[in-house]
């Protein structure tokens, strides 16, 4: 279920803060509340599903498939003959993918 409380709180706060123009304040507050609800201000590392290119509704099989596809693409052992900078970037991306996969598995075990 999508979040909605940011929009409501933004609407009320905008309405109250801009009393001279309550409709404008409500519209601005609604826009800011929507931005918080849609995670516009979160970094991609806060959402492990985004690292794997998935949504939270993805099945376990889809998660495993996305993980295998990405880790085979960025695994440092597959990049033996490339420049050192590209190898370091691949190692960093592989660490990020592994961390996201581990976090998703931990979150799903809590359910």
PDB file of N, CA and C in Angstrom:
ATOM      1  N   UNK A   1       0.847  -1.184   0.000  1.00  0.00           N
ATOM      2  CA  UNK A   1       0.000   0.000   0.000  1.00  0.00           C
ATOM      3  C   UNK A   1       0.887   1.239   0.000  1.00  0.00           C
ATOM      4  N   UNK A   2       0.529   2.185  -0.799  1.00  0.00           N
ATOM      5  CA  UNK A   2       1.270   3.433  -0.885  1.00  0.00           C
ATOM      6  C   UNK A   2       1.019   4.286   0.355  1.00  0.00           C
ATOM      7  N   UNK A   3       2.014   5.077   0.693  1.00  0.00           N
ATOM      8  CA  UNK A   3       1.873   5.953   1.855  1.00  0.00           C
ATOM      9  C   UNK A   3       1.047   7.173   1.475  1.00  0.00           C
ATOM     10  N   UNK A   4       0.319   7.699   2.421  1.00  0.00           N
ATOM     11  CA  UNK A   4      -0.567   8.830   2.174  1.00  0.00           C
ATOM     12  C   UNK A   4      -0.430   9.917   3.230  1.00  0.00           C
ATOM     13  N   UNK A   5       0.147   9.605   4.382  1.00  0.00           N
ATOM     14  CA  UNK A   5       0.144  10.535   5.493  1.00  0.00           C
ATOM     15  C   UNK A   5       1.030  11.749   5.242  1.00  0.00           C
ATOM     16  N   UNK A   6       2.044  11.641   4.404  1.00  0.00           N
ATOM     17  CA  UNK A   6       2.864  12.806   4.070  1.00  0.00           C
ATOM     18  C   UNK A   6       2.057  13.865   3.342  1.00  0.00           C
ATOM     19  N   UNK A   7       1.181  13.416   2.451  1.00  0.00           N
ATOM     20  CA  UNK A   7       0.332  14.358   1.723  1.00  0.00           C
ATOM     21  C   UNK A   7      -0.619  15.082   2.673  1.00  0.00           C
ATOM     22  N   UNK A   8      -1.204  14.330   3.592  1.00  0.00           N
ATOM     23  CA  UNK A   8      -2.140  14.922   4.536  1.00  0.00           C
ATOM     24  C   UNK A   8      -1.435  15.929   5.440  1.00  0.00           C
ATOM     25  N   UNK A   9      -0.298  15.542   6.007  1.00  0.00           N
ATOM     26  CA  UNK A   9       0.433  16.449   6.884  1.00  0.00           C
ATOM     27  C   UNK A   9       0.948  17.667   6.112  1.00  0.00           C
ATOM     28  N   UNK A  10       1.412  17.465   4.887  1.00  0.00           N
ATOM     29  CA  UNK A  10       1.857  18.584   4.070  1.00  0.00           C
ATOM     30  C   UNK A  10       0.728  19.538   3.748  1.00  0.00           C
ATOM     31  N   UNK A  11      -0.433  18.995   3.435  1.00  0.00           N
ATOM     32  CA  UNK A  11      -1.603  19.824   3.143  1.00  0.00           C
ATOM     33  C   UNK A  11      -1.968  20.694   4.339  1.00  0.00           C
ATOM     34  N   UNK A  12      -2.014  20.093   5.508  1.00  0.00           N
ATOM     35  CA  UNK A  12      -2.380  20.840   6.720  1.00  0.00           C
ATOM     36  C   UNK A  12      -1.312  21.875   7.063  1.00  0.00           C
ATOM     37  N   UNK A  13      -0.041  21.462   7.025  1.00  0.00           N
ATOM     38  CA  UNK A  13       1.045  22.390   7.361  1.00  0.00           C
ATOM     39  C   UNK A  13       1.105  23.549   6.377  1.00  0.00           C
ATOM     40  N   UNK A  14       0.981  23.273   5.091  1.00  0.00           N
ATOM     41  CA  UNK A  14       0.997  24.332   4.097  1.00  0.00           C
ATOM     42  C   UNK A  14      -0.167  25.294   4.264  1.00  0.00           C
ATOM     43  N   UNK A  15      -1.321  24.750   4.571  1.00  0.00           N
ATOM     44  CA  UNK A  15      -2.512  25.577   4.791  1.00  0.00           C
ATOM     45  C   UNK A  15      -2.307  26.510   5.981  1.00  0.00           C
ATOM     46  N   UNK A  16      -1.744  25.956   7.068  1.00  0.00           N
ATOM     47  CA  UNK A  16      -1.562  26.756   8.271  1.00  0.00           C
ATOM     48  C   UNK A  16      -0.399  27.741   8.163  1.00  0.00           C
ATOM     49  N   UNK A  17       0.656  27.376   7.471  1.00  0.00           N
ATOM     50  CA  UNK A  17       1.822  28.250   7.376  1.00  0.00           C
ATOM     51  C   UNK A  17       1.598  29.429   6.439  1.00  0.00           C
ATOM     52  N   UNK A  18       0.869  29.221   5.383  1.00  0.00           N
ATOM     53  CA  UNK A  18       0.613  30.305   4.434  1.00  0.00           C
ATOM     54  C   UNK A  18      -0.848  30.746   4.544  1.00  0.00           C
ATOM     55  N   UNK A  19      -1.179  31.363   5.667  1.00  0.00           N
ATOM     56  CA  UNK A  19      -2.572  31.768   5.907  1.00  0.00           C
ATOM     57  C   UNK A  19      -3.027  32.899   4.994  1.00  0.00           C
ATOM     58  N   UNK A  20      -2.077  33.648   4.474  1.00  0.00           N
ATOM     59  CA  UNK A  20      -2.479  34.743   3.577  1.00  0.00           C
ATOM     60  C   UNK A  20      -2.995  34.192   2.253  1.00  0.00           C
ATOM     61  N   UNK A  21      -2.475  33.050   1.868  1.00  0.00           N
ATOM     62  CA  UNK A  21      -2.931  32.397   0.648  1.00  0.00           C
ATOM     63  C   UNK A  21      -3.077  30.905   0.941  1.00  0.00           C
ATOM     64  N   UNK A  22      -4.177  30.525   1.596  1.00  0.00           N
ATOM     65  CA  UNK A  22      -4.301  29.141   2.058  1.00  0.00           C
ATOM     66  C   UNK A  22      -4.330  28.107   0.933  1.00  0.00           C
ATOM     67  N   UNK A  23      -4.892  28.439  -0.217  1.00  0.00           N
ATOM     68  CA  UNK A  23      -4.928  27.466  -1.308  1.00  0.00           C
ATOM     69  C   UNK A  23      -3.529  27.208  -1.868  1.00  0.00           C
ATOM     70  N   UNK A  24      -2.748  28.265  -1.986  1.00  0.00           N
ATOM     71  CA  UNK A  24      -1.371  28.105  -2.451  1.00  0.00           C
ATOM     72  C   UNK A  24      -0.566  27.308  -1.433  1.00  0.00           C
ATOM     73  N   UNK A  25      -0.748  27.624  -0.158  1.00  0.00           N
ATOM     74  CA  UNK A  25      -0.048  26.894   0.897  1.00  0.00           C
ATOM     75  C   UNK A  25      -0.425  25.424   0.913  1.00  0.00           C
ATOM     76  N   UNK A  26      -1.703  25.148   0.733  1.00  0.00           N
ATOM     77  CA  UNK A  26      -2.156  23.755   0.703  1.00  0.00           C
ATOM     78  C   UNK A  26      -1.577  23.020  -0.494  1.00  0.00           C
ATOM     79  N   UNK A  27      -1.506  23.689  -1.638  1.00  0.00           N
ATOM     80  CA  UNK A  27      -0.953  23.050  -2.836  1.00  0.00           C
ATOM     81  C   UNK A  27       0.539  22.768  -2.674  1.00  0.00           C
ATOM     82  N   UNK A  28       1.275  23.737  -2.130  1.00  0.00           N
ATOM     83  CA  UNK A  28       2.712  23.536  -1.900  1.00  0.00           C
ATOM     84  C   UNK A  28       2.925  22.426  -0.878  1.00  0.00           C
ATOM     85  N   UNK A  29       2.159  22.442   0.192  1.00  0.00           N
ATOM     86  CA  UNK A  29       2.271  21.397   1.208  1.00  0.00           C
ATOM     87  C   UNK A  29       1.932  20.028   0.655  1.00  0.00           C
ATOM     88  N   UNK A  30       0.928  19.959  -0.191  1.00  0.00           N
ATOM     89  CA  UNK A  30       0.551  18.694  -0.817  1.00  0.00           C
ATOM     90  C   UNK A  30       1.667  18.176  -1.718  1.00  0.00           C
ATOM     91  N   UNK A  31       2.296  19.058  -2.454  1.00  0.00           N
ATOM     92  CA  UNK A  31       3.409  18.675  -3.318  1.00  0.00           C
ATOM     93  C   UNK A  31       4.598  18.168  -2.498  1.00  0.00           C
ATOM     94  N   UNK A  32       4.936  18.860  -1.436  1.00  0.00           N
ATOM     95  CA  UNK A  32       6.041  18.420  -0.580  1.00  0.00           C
ATOM     96  C   UNK A  32       5.695  17.102   0.094  1.00  0.00           C
ATOM     97  N   UNK A  33       4.466  16.950   0.550  1.00  0.00           N
ATOM     98  CA  UNK A  33       4.046  15.686   1.155  1.00  0.00           C
ATOM     99  C   UNK A  33       4.111  14.537   0.164  1.00  0.00           C
ATOM    100  N   UNK A  34       3.739  14.793  -1.076  1.00  0.00           N
ATOM    101  CA  UNK A  34       3.836  13.757  -2.106  1.00  0.00           C
ATOM    102  C   UNK A  34       5.286  13.367  -2.342  1.00  0.00           C
ATOM    103  N   UNK A  35       6.178  14.352  -2.330  1.00  0.00           N
ATOM    104  CA  UNK A  35       7.601  14.070  -2.532  1.00  0.00           C
ATOM    105  C   UNK A  35       8.129  13.165  -1.424  1.00  0.00           C
ATOM    106  N   UNK A  36       7.717  13.401  -0.190  1.00  0.00           N
ATOM    107  CA  UNK A  36       8.149  12.524   0.901  1.00  0.00           C
ATOM    108  C   UNK A  36       7.538  11.135   0.782  1.00  0.00           C
ATOM    109  N   UNK A  37       6.288  11.050   0.398  1.00  0.00           N
ATOM    110  CA  UNK A  37       5.637   9.751   0.245  1.00  0.00           C
ATOM    111  C   UNK A  37       6.246   8.937  -0.885  1.00  0.00           C
ATOM    112  N   UNK A  38       6.705   9.607  -1.927  1.00  0.00           N
ATOM    113  CA  UNK A  38       7.278   8.917  -3.085  1.00  0.00           C
ATOM    114  C   UNK A  38       8.781   8.687  -2.938  1.00  0.00           C
ATOM    115  N   UNK A  39       9.345   9.036  -1.780  1.00  0.00           N
ATOM    116  CA  UNK A  39      10.769   8.826  -1.479  1.00  0.00           C
ATOM    117  C   UNK A  39      11.687   9.585  -2.415  1.00  0.00           C
ATOM    118  N   UNK A  40      11.306  10.775  -2.780  1.00  0.00           N
ATOM    119  CA  UNK A  40      12.170  11.586  -3.633  1.00  0.00           C
ATOM    120  C   UNK A  40      13.422  12.020  -2.893  1.00  0.00           C
ATOM    121  N   UNK A  41      13.355  12.111  -1.578  1.00  0.00           N
ATOM    122  CA  UNK A  41      14.475  12.620  -0.790  1.00  0.00           C
ATOM    123  C   UNK A  41      15.336  11.513  -0.195  1.00  0.00           C
ATOM    124  N   UNK A  42      15.042  10.282  -0.493  1.00  0.00           N
ATOM    125  CA  UNK A  42      15.843   9.157  -0.005  1.00  0.00           C
ATOM    126  C   UNK A  42      16.905   8.799  -1.019  1.00  0.00           C
ATOM    127  N   UNK A  43      18.031   8.360  -0.507  1.00  0.00           N
ATOM    128  CA  UNK A  43      19.073   7.903  -1.422  1.00  0.00           C
ATOM    129  C   UNK A  43      18.739   6.476  -1.871  1.00  0.00           C
ATOM    130  N   UNK A  44      19.230   6.052  -3.020  1.00  0.00           N
ATOM    131  CA  UNK A  44      18.933   4.701  -3.492  1.00  0.00           C
ATOM    132  C   UNK A  44      19.441   3.620  -2.547  1.00  0.00           C
ATOM    133  N   UNK A  45      20.429   3.921  -1.740  1.00  0.00           N
ATOM    134  CA  UNK A  45      20.951   2.918  -0.814  1.00  0.00           C
ATOM    135  C   UNK A  45      19.981   2.625   0.320  1.00  0.00           C
ATOM    136  N   UNK A  46      19.046   3.540   0.580  1.00  0.00           N
ATOM    137  CA  UNK A  46      18.041   3.292   1.599  1.00  0.00           C
ATOM    138  C   UNK A  46      17.036   2.242   1.144  1.00  0.00           C
ATOM    139  N   UNK A  47      16.895   2.069  -0.145  1.00  0.00           N
ATOM    140  CA  UNK A  47      15.947   1.113  -0.690  1.00  0.00           C
ATOM    141  C   UNK A  47      16.714   0.018  -1.432  1.00  0.00           C
ATOM    142  N   UNK A  48      16.869  -1.147  -0.806  1.00  0.00           N
ATOM    143  CA  UNK A  48      17.654  -2.201  -1.458  1.00  0.00           C
ATOM    144  C   UNK A  48      16.993  -2.736  -2.721  1.00  0.00           C
ATOM    145  N   UNK A  49      15.681  -2.621  -2.837  1.00  0.00           N
ATOM    146  CA  UNK A  49      14.987  -3.090  -4.032  1.00  0.00           C
ATOM    147  C   UNK A  49      15.389  -2.258  -5.252  1.00  0.00           C
ATOM    148  N   UNK A  50      15.617  -0.967  -5.031  1.00  0.00           N
ATOM    149  CA  UNK A  50      15.986  -0.085  -6.126  1.00  0.00           C
ATOM    150  C   UNK A  50      17.370  -0.436  -6.674  1.00  0.00           C
ATOM    151  N   UNK A  51      18.275  -0.908  -5.807  1.00  0.00           N
ATOM    152  CA  UNK A  51      19.611  -1.299  -6.252  1.00  0.00           C
ATOM    153  C   UNK A  51      19.517  -2.464  -7.234  1.00  0.00           C
ATOM    154  N   UNK A  52      18.594  -3.397  -6.959  1.00  0.00           N
ATOM    155  CA  UNK A  52      18.422  -4.546  -7.840  1.00  0.00           C
ATOM    156  C   UNK A  52      17.473  -4.256  -9.000  1.00  0.00           C
ATOM    157  N   UNK A  53      16.897  -3.067  -9.038  1.00  0.00           N
ATOM    158  CA  UNK A  53      15.996  -2.703 -10.129  1.00  0.00           C
ATOM    159  C   UNK A  53      14.628  -3.338 -10.004  1.00  0.00           C
ATOM    160  N   UNK A  54      14.167  -3.534  -8.765  1.00  0.00           N
ATOM    161  CA  UNK A  54      12.895  -4.196  -8.510  1.00  0.00           C
ATOM    162  C   UNK A  54      11.998  -3.312  -7.655  1.00  0.00           C
ATOM    163  N   UNK A  55      10.754  -3.761  -7.486  1.00  0.00           N
ATOM    164  CA  UNK A  55       9.842  -3.112  -6.552  1.00  0.00           C
ATOM    165  C   UNK A  55       9.687  -4.014  -5.341  1.00  0.00           C
ATOM    166  N   UNK A  56       9.057  -3.500  -4.310  1.00  0.00           N
ATOM    167  CA  UNK A  56       8.869  -4.278  -3.088  1.00  0.00           C
ATOM    168  C   UNK A  56       7.899  -5.440  -3.291  1.00  0.00           C
ATOM    169  N   UNK A  57       7.130  -5.417  -4.363  1.00  0.00           N
ATOM    170  CA  UNK A  57       6.179  -6.488  -4.633  1.00  0.00           C
ATOM    171  C   UNK A  57       6.811  -7.654  -5.386  1.00  0.00           C
ATOM    172  N   UNK A  58       8.102  -7.591  -5.650  1.00  0.00           N
ATOM    173  CA  UNK A  58       8.776  -8.647  -6.417  1.00  0.00           C
ATOM    174  C   UNK A  58       8.786  -9.957  -5.634  1.00  0.00           C
ATOM    175  N   UNK A  59       8.675 -11.049  -6.367  1.00  0.00           N
ATOM    176  CA  UNK A  59       8.693 -12.366  -5.724  1.00  0.00           C
ATOM    177  C   UNK A  59      10.133 -12.754  -5.406  1.00  0.00           C
ATOM    178  N   UNK A  60      10.277 -13.819  -4.600  1.00  0.00           N
ATOM    179  CA  UNK A  60      11.612 -14.300  -4.251  1.00  0.00           C
ATOM    180  C   UNK A  60      12.370 -14.767  -5.487  1.00  0.00           C
ATOM    181  N   UNK A  61      11.684 -15.377  -6.421  1.00  0.00           N
ATOM    182  CA  UNK A  61      12.335 -15.843  -7.642  1.00  0.00           C
ATOM    183  C   UNK A  61      12.841 -14.662  -8.474  1.00  0.00           C
ATOM    184  N   UNK A  62      12.057 -13.594  -8.547  1.00  0.00           N
ATOM    185  CA  UNK A  62      12.490 -12.405  -9.285  1.00  0.00           C
ATOM    186  C   UNK A  62      13.698 -11.744  -8.622  1.00  0.00           C
ATOM    187  N   UNK A  63      13.714 -11.752  -7.300  1.00  0.00           N
ATOM    188  CA  UNK A  63      14.842 -11.175  -6.568  1.00  0.00           C
ATOM    189  C   UNK A  63      16.107 -11.977  -6.832  1.00  0.00           C
ATOM    190  N   UNK A  64      15.994 -13.299  -6.750  1.00  0.00           N
ATOM    191  CA  UNK A  64      17.157 -14.154  -7.003  1.00  0.00           C
ATOM    192  C   UNK A  64      17.666 -13.982  -8.433  1.00  0.00           C
ATOM    193  N   UNK A  65      16.757 -13.909  -9.380  1.00  0.00           N
ATOM    194  CA  UNK A  65      17.145 -13.754 -10.783  1.00  0.00           C
ATOM    195  C   UNK A  65      17.852 -12.409 -11.021  1.00  0.00           C
ATOM    196  N   UNK A  66      17.303 -11.342 -10.457  1.00  0.00           N
ATOM    197  CA  UNK A  66      17.924 -10.018 -10.612  1.00  0.00           C
ATOM    198  C   UNK A  66      19.296  -9.990  -9.951  1.00  0.00           C
ATOM    199  N   UNK A  67      19.416 -10.612  -8.772  1.00  0.00           N
ATOM    200  CA  UNK A  67      20.701 -10.659  -8.084  1.00  0.00           C
ATOM    201  C   UNK A  67      21.740 -11.409  -8.919  1.00  0.00           C
ATOM    202  N   UNK A  68      21.373 -12.568  -9.416  1.00  0.00           N
ATOM    203  CA  UNK A  68      22.317 -13.361 -10.216  1.00  0.00           C
ATOM    204  C   UNK A  68      22.738 -12.624 -11.494  1.00  0.00           C
ATOM    205  N   UNK A  69      21.784 -11.985 -12.118  1.00  0.00           N
ATOM    206  CA  UNK A  69      22.090 -11.244 -13.349  1.00  0.00           C
ATOM    207  C   UNK A  69      23.063 -10.109 -13.075  1.00  0.00           C
ATOM    208  N   UNK A  70      22.797  -9.324 -12.025  1.00  0.00           N
ATOM    209  CA  UNK A  70      23.654  -8.176 -11.732  1.00  0.00           C
ATOM    210  C   UNK A  70      25.025  -8.583 -11.203  1.00  0.00           C
ATOM    211  N   UNK A  71      25.064  -9.606 -10.342  1.00  0.00           N
ATOM    212  CA  UNK A  71      26.352  -9.989  -9.776  1.00  0.00           C
ATOM    213  C   UNK A  71      27.228 -10.642 -10.836  1.00  0.00           C
ATOM    214  N   UNK A  72      26.631 -11.327 -11.804  1.00  0.00           N
ATOM    215  CA  UNK A  72      27.448 -11.897 -12.879  1.00  0.00           C
ATOM    216  C   UNK A  72      27.982 -10.798 -13.792  1.00  0.00           C
ATOM    217  N   UNK A  73      27.259  -9.700 -13.890  1.00  0.00           N
ATOM    218  CA  UNK A  73      27.693  -8.586 -14.718  1.00  0.00           C
ATOM    219  C   UNK A  73      28.813  -7.786 -14.044  1.00  0.00           C
ATOM    220  N   UNK A  74      28.744  -7.607 -12.731  1.00  0.00           N
ATOM    221  CA  UNK A  74      29.686  -6.737 -12.034  1.00  0.00           C
ATOM    222  C   UNK A  74      30.721  -7.485 -11.186  1.00  0.00           C
ATOM    223  N   UNK A  75      30.742  -8.796 -11.215  1.00  0.00           N
ATOM    224  CA  UNK A  75      31.694  -9.530 -10.379  1.00  0.00           C
ATOM    225  C   UNK A  75      33.124  -9.213 -10.825  1.00  0.00           C
ATOM    226  N   UNK A  76      33.999  -8.854  -9.883  1.00  0.00           N
ATOM    227  CA  UNK A  76      35.366  -8.450 -10.247  1.00  0.00           C
ATOM    228  C   UNK A  76      36.186  -9.551 -10.921  1.00  0.00           C
ATOM    229  N   UNK A  77      35.907 -10.804 -10.650  1.00  0.00           N
ATOM    230  CA  UNK A  77      36.663 -11.896 -11.276  1.00  0.00           C
ATOM    231  C   UNK A  77      36.403 -11.979 -12.778  1.00  0.00           C
ATOM    232  N   UNK A  78      35.281 -11.469 -13.224  1.00  0.00           N
ATOM    233  CA  UNK A  78      34.985 -11.500 -14.662  1.00  0.00           C
ATOM    234  C   UNK A  78      35.697 -10.385 -15.414  1.00  0.00           C
ATOM    235  N   UNK A  79      36.266  -9.450 -14.668  1.00  0.00           N
ATOM    236  CA  UNK A  79      36.893  -8.288 -15.287  1.00  0.00           C
ATOM    237  C   UNK A  79      38.408  -8.317 -15.090  1.00  0.00           C
ATOM    238  N   UNK A  80      39.054  -9.411 -15.448  1.00  0.00           N
ATOM    239  CA  UNK A  80      40.490  -9.549 -15.225  1.00  0.00           C
ATOM    240  C   UNK A  80      41.323  -8.632 -16.096  1.00  0.00           C
ATOM    241  N   UNK A  81      40.973  -8.450 -17.347  1.00  0.00           N
ATOM    242  CA  UNK A  81      41.818  -7.709 -18.263  1.00  0.00           C
ATOM    243  C   UNK A  81      41.475  -6.242 -18.418  1.00  0.00           C
ATOM    244  N   UNK A  82      40.678  -5.672 -17.553  1.00  0.00           N
ATOM    245  CA  UNK A  82      40.264  -4.279 -17.718  1.00  0.00           C
ATOM    246  C   UNK A  82      41.134  -3.363 -16.861  1.00  0.00           C
ATOM    247  N   UNK A  83      40.962  -2.078 -17.035  1.00  0.00           N
ATOM    248  CA  UNK A  83      41.728  -1.093 -16.275  1.00  0.00           C
ATOM    249  C   UNK A  83      41.406  -1.190 -14.785  1.00  0.00           C
ATOM    250  N   UNK A  84      42.356  -0.772 -13.986  1.00  0.00           N
ATOM    251  CA  UNK A  84      42.216  -0.871 -12.528  1.00  0.00           C
ATOM    252  C   UNK A  84      41.035  -0.042 -12.015  1.00  0.00           C
ATOM    253  N   UNK A  85      40.805   1.109 -12.600  1.00  0.00           N
ATOM    254  CA  UNK A  85      39.686   1.965 -12.181  1.00  0.00           C
ATOM    255  C   UNK A  85      38.343   1.271 -12.418  1.00  0.00           C
ATOM    256  N   UNK A  86      38.187   0.643 -13.577  1.00  0.00           N
ATOM    257  CA  UNK A  86      36.944  -0.083 -13.856  1.00  0.00           C
ATOM    258  C   UNK A  86      36.779  -1.265 -12.909  1.00  0.00           C
ATOM    259  N   UNK A  87      37.864  -1.911 -12.575  1.00  0.00           N
ATOM    260  CA  UNK A  87      37.812  -3.047 -11.647  1.00  0.00           C
ATOM    261  C   UNK A  87      37.367  -2.574 -10.251  1.00  0.00           C
ATOM    262  N   UNK A  88      37.889  -1.431  -9.808  1.00  0.00           N
ATOM    263  CA  UNK A  88      37.478  -0.892  -8.502  1.00  0.00           C
ATOM    264  C   UNK A  88      35.998  -0.509  -8.504  1.00  0.00           C
ATOM    265  N   UNK A  89      35.541   0.077  -9.604  1.00  0.00           N
ATOM    266  CA  UNK A  89      34.123   0.429  -9.701  1.00  0.00           C
ATOM    267  C   UNK A  89      33.248  -0.816  -9.671  1.00  0.00           C
ATOM    268  N   UNK A  90      33.688  -1.862 -10.340  1.00  0.00           N
ATOM    269  CA  UNK A  90      32.933  -3.116 -10.346  1.00  0.00           C
ATOM    270  C   UNK A  90      32.900  -3.734  -8.955  1.00  0.00           C
ATOM    271  N   UNK A  91      34.014  -3.673  -8.235  1.00  0.00           N
ATOM    272  CA  UNK A  91      34.042  -4.197  -6.865  1.00  0.00           C
ATOM    273  C   UNK A  91      33.081  -3.431  -5.969  1.00  0.00           C
ATOM    274  N   UNK A  92      33.057  -2.117  -6.131  1.00  0.00           N
ATOM    275  CA  UNK A  92      32.150  -1.296  -5.340  1.00  0.00           C
ATOM    276  C   UNK A  92      30.691  -1.626  -5.650  1.00  0.00           C
ATOM    277  N   UNK A  93      30.382  -1.770  -6.927  1.00  0.00           N
ATOM    278  CA  UNK A  93      29.010  -2.100  -7.330  1.00  0.00           C
ATOM    279  C   UNK A  93      28.619  -3.496  -6.851  1.00  0.00           C
ATOM    280  N   UNK A  94      29.567  -4.448  -6.912  1.00  0.00           N
ATOM    281  CA  UNK A  94      29.284  -5.808  -6.443  1.00  0.00           C
ATOM    282  C   UNK A  94      29.021  -5.805  -4.941  1.00  0.00           C
ATOM    283  N   UNK A  95      29.778  -5.008  -4.181  1.00  0.00           N
ATOM    284  CA  UNK A  95      29.530  -4.898  -2.735  1.00  0.00           C
ATOM    285  C   UNK A  95      28.146  -4.325  -2.472  1.00  0.00           C
ATOM    286  N   UNK A  96      27.766  -3.319  -3.249  1.00  0.00           N
ATOM    287  CA  UNK A  96      26.445  -2.702  -3.093  1.00  0.00           C
ATOM    288  C   UNK A  96      25.334  -3.702  -3.420  1.00  0.00           C
ATOM    289  N   UNK A  97      25.506  -4.482  -4.461  1.00  0.00           N
ATOM    290  CA  UNK A  97      24.515  -5.490  -4.850  1.00  0.00           C
ATOM    291  C   UNK A  97      24.395  -6.562  -3.772  1.00  0.00           C
ATOM    292  N   UNK A  98      25.528  -7.035  -3.266  1.00  0.00           N
ATOM    293  CA  UNK A  98      25.501  -8.045  -2.203  1.00  0.00           C
ATOM    294  C   UNK A  98      24.826  -7.524  -0.944  1.00  0.00           C
ATOM    295  N   UNK A  99      25.126  -6.281  -0.567  1.00  0.00           N
ATOM    296  CA  UNK A  99      24.508  -5.692   0.621  1.00  0.00           C
ATOM    297  C   UNK A  99      23.001  -5.553   0.443  1.00  0.00           C
ATOM    298  N   UNK A 100      22.572  -5.130  -0.734  1.00  0.00           N
ATOM    299  CA  UNK A 100      21.137  -4.987  -0.994  1.00  0.00           C
ATOM    300  C   UNK A 100      20.436  -6.342  -0.948  1.00  0.00           C
ATOM    301  N   UNK A 101      21.057  -7.353  -1.536  1.00  0.00           N
ATOM    302  CA  UNK A 101      20.459  -8.691  -1.533  1.00  0.00           C
ATOM    303  C   UNK A 101      20.360  -9.234  -0.109  1.00  0.00           C
ATOM    304  N   UNK A 102      21.419  -9.064   0.674  1.00  0.00           N
ATOM    305  CA  UNK A 102      21.394  -9.524   2.068  1.00  0.00           C
ATOM    306  C   UNK A 102      20.334  -8.788   2.872  1.00  0.00           C
ATOM    307  N   UNK A 103      20.193  -7.489   2.625  1.00  0.00           N
ATOM    308  CA  UNK A 103      19.187  -6.713   3.355  1.00  0.00           C
ATOM    309  C   UNK A 103      17.768  -7.141   2.980  1.00  0.00           C
ATOM    310  N   UNK A 104      17.537  -7.418   1.706  1.00  0.00           N
ATOM    311  CA  UNK A 104      16.215  -7.879   1.280  1.00  0.00           C
ATOM    312  C   UNK A 104      15.898  -9.230   1.923  1.00  0.00           C
ATOM    313  N   UNK A 105      16.859 -10.131   1.922  1.00  0.00           N
ATOM    314  CA  UNK A 105      16.632 -11.446   2.540  1.00  0.00           C
ATOM    315  C   UNK A 105      16.352 -11.306   4.037  1.00  0.00           C
ATOM    316  N   UNK A 106      17.056 -10.415   4.714  1.00  0.00           N
ATOM    317  CA  UNK A 106      16.810 -10.206   6.136  1.00  0.00           C
ATOM    318  C   UNK A 106      15.425  -9.602   6.374  1.00  0.00           C
ATOM    319  N   UNK A 107      15.042  -8.648   5.537  1.00  0.00           N
ATOM    320  CA  UNK A 107      13.716  -8.031   5.678  1.00  0.00           C
ATOM    321  C   UNK A 107      12.604  -9.053   5.437  1.00  0.00           C
ATOM    322  N   UNK A 108      12.800  -9.924   4.475  1.00  0.00           N
ATOM    323  CA  UNK A 108      11.764 -10.916   4.164  1.00  0.00           C
ATOM    324  C   UNK A 108      11.683 -12.009   5.213  1.00  0.00           C
ATOM    325  N   UNK A 109      12.766 -12.289   5.921  1.00  0.00           N
ATOM    326  CA  UNK A 109      12.709 -13.289   6.981  1.00  0.00           C
ATOM    327  C   UNK A 109      11.950 -12.760   8.193  1.00  0.00           C
ATOM    328  N   UNK A 110      11.946 -11.442   8.377  1.00  0.00           N
ATOM    329  CA  UNK A 110      11.232 -10.843   9.503  1.00  0.00           C
ATOM    330  C   UNK A 110       9.733 -10.911   9.338  1.00  0.00           C
ATOM    331  N   UNK A 111       9.268 -11.025   8.091  1.00  0.00           N
ATOM    332  CA  UNK A 111       7.819 -11.043   7.828  1.00  0.00           C
ATOM    333  C   UNK A 111       7.165 -12.250   8.374  1.00  0.00           C
TER     334      UNK A 111
END
